[in-house]
């Protein structure tokens, strides 16, 4: 799927996919940091990490969706 998306989209779509990849890495790192903080007894301070995780994942999903729409439009 990723290869086809990168193949059929334009430069802007590729940039969207690249930014989405970075945001997914940010989401995973933030999730792990939140888990570690919660496990070490600092659960009250984990809200920013959970918000970052969810926000990054949602924005990445939207960017991939928009890039796929650009690829569909370009292919037609």
PDB file of N, CA and C in Angstrom:
ATOM      1  N   UNK A   1       0.803  -1.183   0.000  1.00  0.00           N
ATOM      2  CA  UNK A   1       0.000   0.000   0.000  1.00  0.00           C
ATOM      3  C   UNK A   1       0.855   1.260   0.000  1.00  0.00           C
ATOM      4  N   UNK A   2       1.875   1.296   0.860  1.00  0.00           N
ATOM      5  CA  UNK A   2       2.720   2.495   0.952  1.00  0.00           C
ATOM      6  C   UNK A   2       3.449   2.740  -0.357  1.00  0.00           C
ATOM      7  N   UNK A   3       3.935   1.665  -0.979  1.00  0.00           N
ATOM      8  CA  UNK A   3       4.668   1.816  -2.233  1.00  0.00           C
ATOM      9  C   UNK A   3       3.767   2.378  -3.319  1.00  0.00           C
ATOM     10  N   UNK A   4       2.541   1.871  -3.414  1.00  0.00           N
ATOM     11  CA  UNK A   4       1.601   2.385  -4.412  1.00  0.00           C
ATOM     12  C   UNK A   4       1.234   3.836  -4.124  1.00  0.00           C
ATOM     13  N   UNK A   5       1.073   4.159  -2.846  1.00  0.00           N
ATOM     14  CA  UNK A   5       0.728   5.527  -2.493  1.00  0.00           C
ATOM     15  C   UNK A   5       1.848   6.478  -2.901  1.00  0.00           C
ATOM     16  N   UNK A   6       3.080   6.091  -2.642  1.00  0.00           N
ATOM     17  CA  UNK A   6       4.207   6.944  -3.018  1.00  0.00           C
ATOM     18  C   UNK A   6       4.409   6.988  -4.532  1.00  0.00           C
ATOM     19  N   UNK A   7       4.039   5.902  -5.201  1.00  0.00           N
ATOM     20  CA  UNK A   7       4.223   5.843  -6.654  1.00  0.00           C
ATOM     21  C   UNK A   7       3.220   6.727  -7.395  1.00  0.00           C
ATOM     22  N   UNK A   8       1.978   6.753  -6.941  1.00  0.00           N
ATOM     23  CA  UNK A   8       0.926   7.435  -7.687  1.00  0.00           C
ATOM     24  C   UNK A   8       0.641   8.851  -7.229  1.00  0.00           C
ATOM     25  N   UNK A   9       1.256   9.317  -6.178  1.00  0.00           N
ATOM     26  CA  UNK A   9       0.983  10.677  -5.713  1.00  0.00           C
ATOM     27  C   UNK A   9       2.082  11.625  -6.179  1.00  0.00           C
ATOM     28  N   UNK A  10       1.837  12.898  -6.016  1.00  0.00           N
ATOM     29  CA  UNK A  10       2.800  13.898  -6.440  1.00  0.00           C
ATOM     30  C   UNK A  10       3.722  14.272  -5.274  1.00  0.00           C
ATOM     31  N   UNK A  11       4.500  15.310  -5.464  1.00  0.00           N
ATOM     32  CA  UNK A  11       5.472  15.722  -4.445  1.00  0.00           C
ATOM     33  C   UNK A  11       4.787  16.130  -3.149  1.00  0.00           C
ATOM     34  N   UNK A  12       3.665  16.817  -3.258  1.00  0.00           N
ATOM     35  CA  UNK A  12       2.939  17.237  -2.047  1.00  0.00           C
ATOM     36  C   UNK A  12       2.422  16.015  -1.294  1.00  0.00           C
ATOM     37  N   UNK A  13       1.909  15.040  -2.019  1.00  0.00           N
ATOM     38  CA  UNK A  13       1.430  13.810  -1.387  1.00  0.00           C
ATOM     39  C   UNK A  13       2.552  13.045  -0.716  1.00  0.00           C
ATOM     40  N   UNK A  14       3.708  13.016  -1.347  1.00  0.00           N
ATOM     41  CA  UNK A  14       4.862  12.348  -0.731  1.00  0.00           C
ATOM     42  C   UNK A  14       5.294  13.064   0.537  1.00  0.00           C
ATOM     43  N   UNK A  15       5.237  14.385   0.504  1.00  0.00           N
ATOM     44  CA  UNK A  15       5.571  15.161   1.711  1.00  0.00           C
ATOM     45  C   UNK A  15       4.574  14.855   2.820  1.00  0.00           C
ATOM     46  N   UNK A  16       3.292  14.731   2.466  1.00  0.00           N
ATOM     47  CA  UNK A  16       2.281  14.389   3.463  1.00  0.00           C
ATOM     48  C   UNK A  16       2.571  13.037   4.098  1.00  0.00           C
ATOM     49  N   UNK A  17       2.943  12.064   3.280  1.00  0.00           N
ATOM     50  CA  UNK A  17       3.256  10.727   3.794  1.00  0.00           C
ATOM     51  C   UNK A  17       4.504  10.778   4.680  1.00  0.00           C
ATOM     52  N   UNK A  18       5.500  11.569   4.290  1.00  0.00           N
ATOM     53  CA  UNK A  18       6.701  11.701   5.104  1.00  0.00           C
ATOM     54  C   UNK A  18       6.413  12.327   6.454  1.00  0.00           C
ATOM     55  N   UNK A  19       5.606  13.382   6.456  1.00  0.00           N
ATOM     56  CA  UNK A  19       5.240  14.023   7.725  1.00  0.00           C
ATOM     57  C   UNK A  19       4.409  13.071   8.578  1.00  0.00           C
ATOM     58  N   UNK A  20       3.525  12.301   7.940  1.00  0.00           N
ATOM     59  CA  UNK A  20       2.724  11.319   8.675  1.00  0.00           C
ATOM     60  C   UNK A  20       3.620  10.270   9.321  1.00  0.00           C
ATOM     61  N   UNK A  21       4.663   9.847   8.625  1.00  0.00           N
ATOM     62  CA  UNK A  21       5.606   8.891   9.207  1.00  0.00           C
ATOM     63  C   UNK A  21       6.303   9.450  10.426  1.00  0.00           C
ATOM     64  N   UNK A  22       6.722  10.695  10.349  1.00  0.00           N
ATOM     65  CA  UNK A  22       7.362  11.340  11.498  1.00  0.00           C
ATOM     66  C   UNK A  22       6.379  11.453  12.659  1.00  0.00           C
ATOM     67  N   UNK A  23       5.140  11.819  12.364  1.00  0.00           N
ATOM     68  CA  UNK A  23       4.131  11.937  13.425  1.00  0.00           C
ATOM     69  C   UNK A  23       3.832  10.585  14.074  1.00  0.00           C
ATOM     70  N   UNK A  24       3.871   9.512  13.303  1.00  0.00           N
ATOM     71  CA  UNK A  24       3.663   8.191  13.887  1.00  0.00           C
ATOM     72  C   UNK A  24       4.809   7.808  14.815  1.00  0.00           C
ATOM     73  N   UNK A  25       6.029   8.182  14.453  1.00  0.00           N
ATOM     74  CA  UNK A  25       7.165   7.936  15.346  1.00  0.00           C
ATOM     75  C   UNK A  25       7.005   8.742  16.628  1.00  0.00           C
ATOM     76  N   UNK A  26       6.591  10.001  16.500  1.00  0.00           N
ATOM     77  CA  UNK A  26       6.346  10.842  17.680  1.00  0.00           C
ATOM     78  C   UNK A  26       5.273  10.213  18.559  1.00  0.00           C
ATOM     79  N   UNK A  27       4.217   9.687  17.953  1.00  0.00           N
ATOM     80  CA  UNK A  27       3.140   9.061  18.719  1.00  0.00           C
ATOM     81  C   UNK A  27       3.638   7.851  19.491  1.00  0.00           C
ATOM     82  N   UNK A  28       4.439   7.017  18.854  1.00  0.00           N
ATOM     83  CA  UNK A  28       4.951   5.816  19.521  1.00  0.00           C
ATOM     84  C   UNK A  28       5.887   6.193  20.673  1.00  0.00           C
ATOM     85  N   UNK A  29       6.780   7.140  20.437  1.00  0.00           N
ATOM     86  CA  UNK A  29       7.710   7.561  21.494  1.00  0.00           C
ATOM     87  C   UNK A  29       6.945   8.172  22.662  1.00  0.00           C
ATOM     88  N   UNK A  30       5.972   9.009  22.366  1.00  0.00           N
ATOM     89  CA  UNK A  30       5.176   9.627  23.421  1.00  0.00           C
ATOM     90  C   UNK A  30       4.396   8.572  24.201  1.00  0.00           C
ATOM     91  N   UNK A  31       3.881   7.584  23.513  1.00  0.00           N
ATOM     92  CA  UNK A  31       3.156   6.497  24.179  1.00  0.00           C
ATOM     93  C   UNK A  31       4.062   5.743  25.140  1.00  0.00           C
ATOM     94  N   UNK A  32       5.251   5.409  24.682  1.00  0.00           N
ATOM     95  CA  UNK A  32       6.200   4.666  25.525  1.00  0.00           C
ATOM     96  C   UNK A  32       6.613   5.503  26.735  1.00  0.00           C
ATOM     97  N   UNK A  33       6.879   6.783  26.527  1.00  0.00           N
ATOM     98  CA  UNK A  33       7.253   7.651  27.649  1.00  0.00           C
ATOM     99  C   UNK A  33       6.104   7.740  28.649  1.00  0.00           C
ATOM    100  N   UNK A  34       4.875   7.843  28.166  1.00  0.00           N
ATOM    101  CA  UNK A  34       3.721   7.874  29.066  1.00  0.00           C
ATOM    102  C   UNK A  34       3.576   6.600  29.866  1.00  0.00           C
ATOM    103  N   UNK A  35       3.808   5.459  29.232  1.00  0.00           N
ATOM    104  CA  UNK A  35       3.758   4.170  29.934  1.00  0.00           C
ATOM    105  C   UNK A  35       4.831   4.107  31.015  1.00  0.00           C
ATOM    106  N   UNK A  36       6.037   4.531  30.678  1.00  0.00           N
ATOM    107  CA  UNK A  36       7.138   4.499  31.651  1.00  0.00           C
ATOM    108  C   UNK A  36       6.828   5.409  32.831  1.00  0.00           C
ATOM    109  N   UNK A  37       6.338   6.599  32.554  1.00  0.00           N
ATOM    110  CA  UNK A  37       6.018   7.530  33.656  1.00  0.00           C
ATOM    111  C   UNK A  37       4.902   6.979  34.533  1.00  0.00           C
ATOM    112  N   UNK A  38       3.894   6.362  33.916  1.00  0.00           N
ATOM    113  CA  UNK A  38       2.798   5.786  34.703  1.00  0.00           C
ATOM    114  C   UNK A  38       3.282   4.612  35.541  1.00  0.00           C
ATOM    115  N   UNK A  39       4.188   3.826  34.986  1.00  0.00           N
ATOM    116  CA  UNK A  39       4.700   2.658  35.710  1.00  0.00           C
ATOM    117  C   UNK A  39       5.614   3.048  36.860  1.00  0.00           C
ATOM    118  N   UNK A  40       6.216   4.233  36.785  1.00  0.00           N
ATOM    119  CA  UNK A  40       7.126   4.655  37.854  1.00  0.00           C
ATOM    120  C   UNK A  40       6.432   5.514  38.896  1.00  0.00           C
ATOM    121  N   UNK A  41       5.106   5.552  38.853  1.00  0.00           N
ATOM    122  CA  UNK A  41       4.373   6.248  39.891  1.00  0.00           C
ATOM    123  C   UNK A  41       4.078   7.700  39.614  1.00  0.00           C
ATOM    124  N   UNK A  42       4.292   8.159  38.410  1.00  0.00           N
ATOM    125  CA  UNK A  42       4.018   9.547  38.065  1.00  0.00           C
ATOM    126  C   UNK A  42       2.830   9.631  37.111  1.00  0.00           C
ATOM    127  N   UNK A  43       1.776   8.910  37.424  1.00  0.00           N
ATOM    128  CA  UNK A  43       0.618   8.826  36.532  1.00  0.00           C
ATOM    129  C   UNK A  43      -0.087  10.165  36.366  1.00  0.00           C
ATOM    130  N   UNK A  44       0.017  11.036  37.345  1.00  0.00           N
ATOM    131  CA  UNK A  44      -0.667  12.324  37.264  1.00  0.00           C
ATOM    132  C   UNK A  44      -0.066  13.231  36.196  1.00  0.00           C
ATOM    133  N   UNK A  45       1.140  12.947  35.762  1.00  0.00           N
ATOM    134  CA  UNK A  45       1.819  13.805  34.779  1.00  0.00           C
ATOM    135  C   UNK A  45       1.802  13.223  33.371  1.00  0.00           C
ATOM    136  N   UNK A  46       0.968  12.229  33.116  1.00  0.00           N
ATOM    137  CA  UNK A  46       1.002  11.562  31.807  1.00  0.00           C
ATOM    138  C   UNK A  46       0.025  12.145  30.795  1.00  0.00           C
ATOM    139  N   UNK A  47      -0.859  13.054  31.197  1.00  0.00           N
ATOM    140  CA  UNK A  47      -1.852  13.594  30.271  1.00  0.00           C
ATOM    141  C   UNK A  47      -1.235  14.223  29.017  1.00  0.00           C
ATOM    142  N   UNK A  48      -0.178  15.037  29.125  1.00  0.00           N
ATOM    143  CA  UNK A  48       0.404  15.589  27.891  1.00  0.00           C
ATOM    144  C   UNK A  48       0.922  14.512  26.933  1.00  0.00           C
ATOM    145  N   UNK A  49       1.421  13.409  27.479  1.00  0.00           N
ATOM    146  CA  UNK A  49       1.928  12.339  26.618  1.00  0.00           C
ATOM    147  C   UNK A  49       0.784  11.633  25.901  1.00  0.00           C
ATOM    148  N   UNK A  50      -0.329  11.406  26.598  1.00  0.00           N
ATOM    149  CA  UNK A  50      -1.465  10.755  25.954  1.00  0.00           C
ATOM    150  C   UNK A  50      -2.074  11.675  24.905  1.00  0.00           C
ATOM    151  N   UNK A  51      -2.174  12.968  25.197  1.00  0.00           N
ATOM    152  CA  UNK A  51      -2.705  13.910  24.205  1.00  0.00           C
ATOM    153  C   UNK A  51      -1.809  13.991  22.973  1.00  0.00           C
ATOM    154  N   UNK A  52      -0.503  13.977  23.190  1.00  0.00           N
ATOM    155  CA  UNK A  52       0.434  13.990  22.065  1.00  0.00           C
ATOM    156  C   UNK A  52       0.295  12.725  21.231  1.00  0.00           C
ATOM    157  N   UNK A  53       0.156  11.589  21.909  1.00  0.00           N
ATOM    158  CA  UNK A  53      -0.003  10.314  21.201  1.00  0.00           C
ATOM    159  C   UNK A  53      -1.248  10.329  20.319  1.00  0.00           C
ATOM    160  N   UNK A  54      -2.371  10.684  20.904  1.00  0.00           N
ATOM    161  CA  UNK A  54      -3.628  10.664  20.154  1.00  0.00           C
ATOM    162  C   UNK A  54      -3.649  11.734  19.062  1.00  0.00           C
ATOM    163  N   UNK A  55      -3.194  12.923  19.377  1.00  0.00           N
ATOM    164  CA  UNK A  55      -3.168  13.994  18.386  1.00  0.00           C
ATOM    165  C   UNK A  55      -2.278  13.669  17.204  1.00  0.00           C
ATOM    166  N   UNK A  56      -1.092  13.144  17.488  1.00  0.00           N
ATOM    167  CA  UNK A  56      -0.162  12.794  16.409  1.00  0.00           C
ATOM    168  C   UNK A  56      -0.723  11.683  15.530  1.00  0.00           C
ATOM    169  N   UNK A  57      -1.329  10.685  16.149  1.00  0.00           N
ATOM    170  CA  UNK A  57      -1.887   9.577  15.377  1.00  0.00           C
ATOM    171  C   UNK A  57      -3.047  10.042  14.494  1.00  0.00           C
ATOM    172  N   UNK A  58      -3.900  10.899  15.019  1.00  0.00           N
ATOM    173  CA  UNK A  58      -5.037  11.388  14.236  1.00  0.00           C
ATOM    174  C   UNK A  58      -4.563  12.250  13.068  1.00  0.00           C
ATOM    175  N   UNK A  59      -3.628  13.146  13.331  1.00  0.00           N
ATOM    176  CA  UNK A  59      -3.115  14.010  12.254  1.00  0.00           C
ATOM    177  C   UNK A  59      -2.411  13.175  11.185  1.00  0.00           C
ATOM    178  N   UNK A  60      -1.648  12.164  11.614  1.00  0.00           N
ATOM    179  CA  UNK A  60      -0.978  11.285  10.650  1.00  0.00           C
ATOM    180  C   UNK A  60      -2.003  10.552   9.792  1.00  0.00           C
ATOM    181  N   UNK A  61      -3.075  10.068  10.408  1.00  0.00           N
ATOM    182  CA  UNK A  61      -4.122   9.387   9.653  1.00  0.00           C
ATOM    183  C   UNK A  61      -4.782  10.297   8.634  1.00  0.00           C
ATOM    184  N   UNK A  62      -5.053  11.520   9.025  1.00  0.00           N
ATOM    185  CA  UNK A  62      -5.655  12.486   8.111  1.00  0.00           C
ATOM    186  C   UNK A  62      -4.713  12.785   6.947  1.00  0.00           C
ATOM    187  N   UNK A  63      -3.427  12.948   7.234  1.00  0.00           N
ATOM    188  CA  UNK A  63      -2.456  13.228   6.166  1.00  0.00           C
ATOM    189  C   UNK A  63      -2.348  12.068   5.180  1.00  0.00           C
ATOM    190  N   UNK A  64      -2.348  10.841   5.681  1.00  0.00           N
ATOM    191  CA  UNK A  64      -2.288   9.680   4.785  1.00  0.00           C
ATOM    192  C   UNK A  64      -3.561   9.601   3.950  1.00  0.00           C
ATOM    193  N   UNK A  65      -4.709   9.878   4.563  1.00  0.00           N
ATOM    194  CA  UNK A  65      -5.962   9.880   3.811  1.00  0.00           C
ATOM    195  C   UNK A  65      -5.930  10.928   2.698  1.00  0.00           C
ATOM    196  N   UNK A  66      -5.494  12.136   3.042  1.00  0.00           N
ATOM    197  CA  UNK A  66      -5.436  13.194   2.037  1.00  0.00           C
ATOM    198  C   UNK A  66      -4.439  12.870   0.927  1.00  0.00           C
ATOM    199  N   UNK A  67      -3.320  12.260   1.281  1.00  0.00           N
ATOM    200  CA  UNK A  67      -2.340  11.856   0.265  1.00  0.00           C
ATOM    201  C   UNK A  67      -2.933  10.790  -0.649  1.00  0.00           C
ATOM    202  N   UNK A  68      -3.703   9.868  -0.079  1.00  0.00           N
ATOM    203  CA  UNK A  68      -4.313   8.830  -0.918  1.00  0.00           C
ATOM    204  C   UNK A  68      -5.365   9.437  -1.840  1.00  0.00           C
ATOM    205  N   UNK A  69      -6.084  10.451  -1.381  1.00  0.00           N
ATOM    206  CA  UNK A  69      -7.051  11.130  -2.249  1.00  0.00           C
ATOM    207  C   UNK A  69      -6.330  11.852  -3.388  1.00  0.00           C
ATOM    208  N   UNK A  70      -5.185  12.451  -3.092  1.00  0.00           N
ATOM    209  CA  UNK A  70      -4.402  13.099  -4.155  1.00  0.00           C
ATOM    210  C   UNK A  70      -3.943  12.067  -5.175  1.00  0.00           C
ATOM    211  N   UNK A  71      -3.572  10.884  -4.706  1.00  0.00           N
ATOM    212  CA  UNK A  71      -3.129   9.836  -5.623  1.00  0.00           C
ATOM    213  C   UNK A  71      -4.281   9.361  -6.498  1.00  0.00           C
ATOM    214  N   UNK A  72      -5.483   9.231  -5.923  1.00  0.00           N
ATOM    215  CA  UNK A  72      -6.653   8.820  -6.702  1.00  0.00           C
ATOM    216  C   UNK A  72      -6.990   9.854  -7.763  1.00  0.00           C
ATOM    217  N   UNK A  73      -6.929  11.118  -7.398  1.00  0.00           N
ATOM    218  CA  UNK A  73      -7.238  12.182  -8.343  1.00  0.00           C
ATOM    219  C   UNK A  73      -6.201  12.204  -9.466  1.00  0.00           C
ATOM    220  N   UNK A  74      -4.954  12.009  -9.105  1.00  0.00           N
ATOM    221  CA  UNK A  74      -3.882  12.071 -10.094  1.00  0.00           C
ATOM    222  C   UNK A  74      -3.934  10.877 -11.048  1.00  0.00           C
ATOM    223  N   UNK A  75      -4.343   9.708 -10.539  1.00  0.00           N
ATOM    224  CA  UNK A  75      -4.365   8.499 -11.357  1.00  0.00           C
ATOM    225  C   UNK A  75      -5.466   8.565 -12.411  1.00  0.00           C
ATOM    226  N   UNK A  76      -6.543   9.305 -12.146  1.00  0.00           N
ATOM    227  CA  UNK A  76      -7.675   9.363 -13.098  1.00  0.00           C
ATOM    228  C   UNK A  76      -7.397  10.266 -14.264  1.00  0.00           C
TER     229      UNK A  76
END
